Amino acid sequence: MLVVRPITPQDYAALYTCAVESGYGFTSLPVDEGLLRRRIARAQEAFAREHVSEPGEEGYLFVMEDTATGEVVGCSGIEAAVGLTEAFYHYHLGKVVHHSKSLDVYNALETLTLCNDYTGVSELCTLFLREPFRVNQNGRVLSRFRMLFMAEFRDRFSDIAIAEMRGVSDENGESPFWGWLEQHFFTIDFNQADYLTGIGEKSFVAELMPKFPIYVKMLAPEAQAVIGKVHNNTRPALRMLESEGFHFRGYVDIFDAGPTVEAEVAHIKSVRESQRLPVRVGTPSETATAVILCNTKLADFRAGKAAIEVGEDHIVVSQEVADALHLQADDQARFVAL
């Protein structure tokens, strides 16, 4: 069974493998030993804080493990509140109107304005599933379980959640959007800029990024064409988030112009439709329902795909599922239809 659980220091080698395999443009998983170890330590701190009444600096990082082999096959994370100590940048896609009544000229022009509008919101991040395991809805589980975690531990997260989608880049990791910025404002390539951001070295953004709105029409055509567009490998993740109620509000990444989508946490489909019921351990009926199921513990959190029988005031899970998700009879569990 594939089970999602909090990351531990013993998972470092597997997390490093995920970072290598994630490739260019995956900002939150840079191939950097120091940063990856710090992320693990920071996650352990977050899971150890039992009493949290509002979102802060906590970063929750999980891994998906094959319980049959002990192999870690993917990772997924949530930032409780972004931008509290380090600026969190986006470009906002807006419009300005140039109008001359006397000449009968009216031009509505798109602009990109550097902003920090998402400061303090929660972020779904660091979602990566290794290639051989992208089957049987495993990716859906690895993404959506986070919504159950947020529903269960509501006070730890903001009222708004966002997810940054990887933008368009070629097989060499080069971004058409960054290519234009590099030519006019920077002397570092996309991969270096992306890596520096991933390891927390963001001061160059404030120092070198243009402070005034950029007219989109000034960009090279190939740069204009990718604004708000996602990398081909990211399309399934975007479709899944859209089905959960996330929407694009005109905010794009400052490096590759990939879209950021947002939703009110209370209105996310998996949050809204999840249920919390006590557990009975037994044999689910033949009409068992396929769900994403999790326990309600923090440091000992477990989640996974399961077939359960849903009664009026309880659910029935198999002994195998109970063991894998650290559930006992009468424990509370949260679930949502898969």
Foldseek 3Di string as FASTA:
>chain_A
DKKKAFDALVCLVVLLVQLVVVDFQQLQRHNDSVLSNVLSVLQLVLLPPPDFQAADQGKTKMFIADVVVRHTFWIWIKGQWPCPPHQDKWWFWDWDWDDDPVVRDIDIFIWTAIDRVRGGAMETGRTTGHDVPPDPCPSVLNRLVVLVLCLLVVSRHDQKYKYFAGFDDDPVNAALQQVQVCVPFNVDGLRVQSHCVNSPNCPVCVVTPDRDIDTLVVGDPSNSVGAQHHYPVRVVVVVSQVVQPWDFDRIAHPRRNHTMTMDRSCSGNLSVAKDKAFEDEDDADPPFAWKWKWFSRRNLIMIDIATWDDDPHYIYGYPVVCVRRVHDGRGMMMIDGD
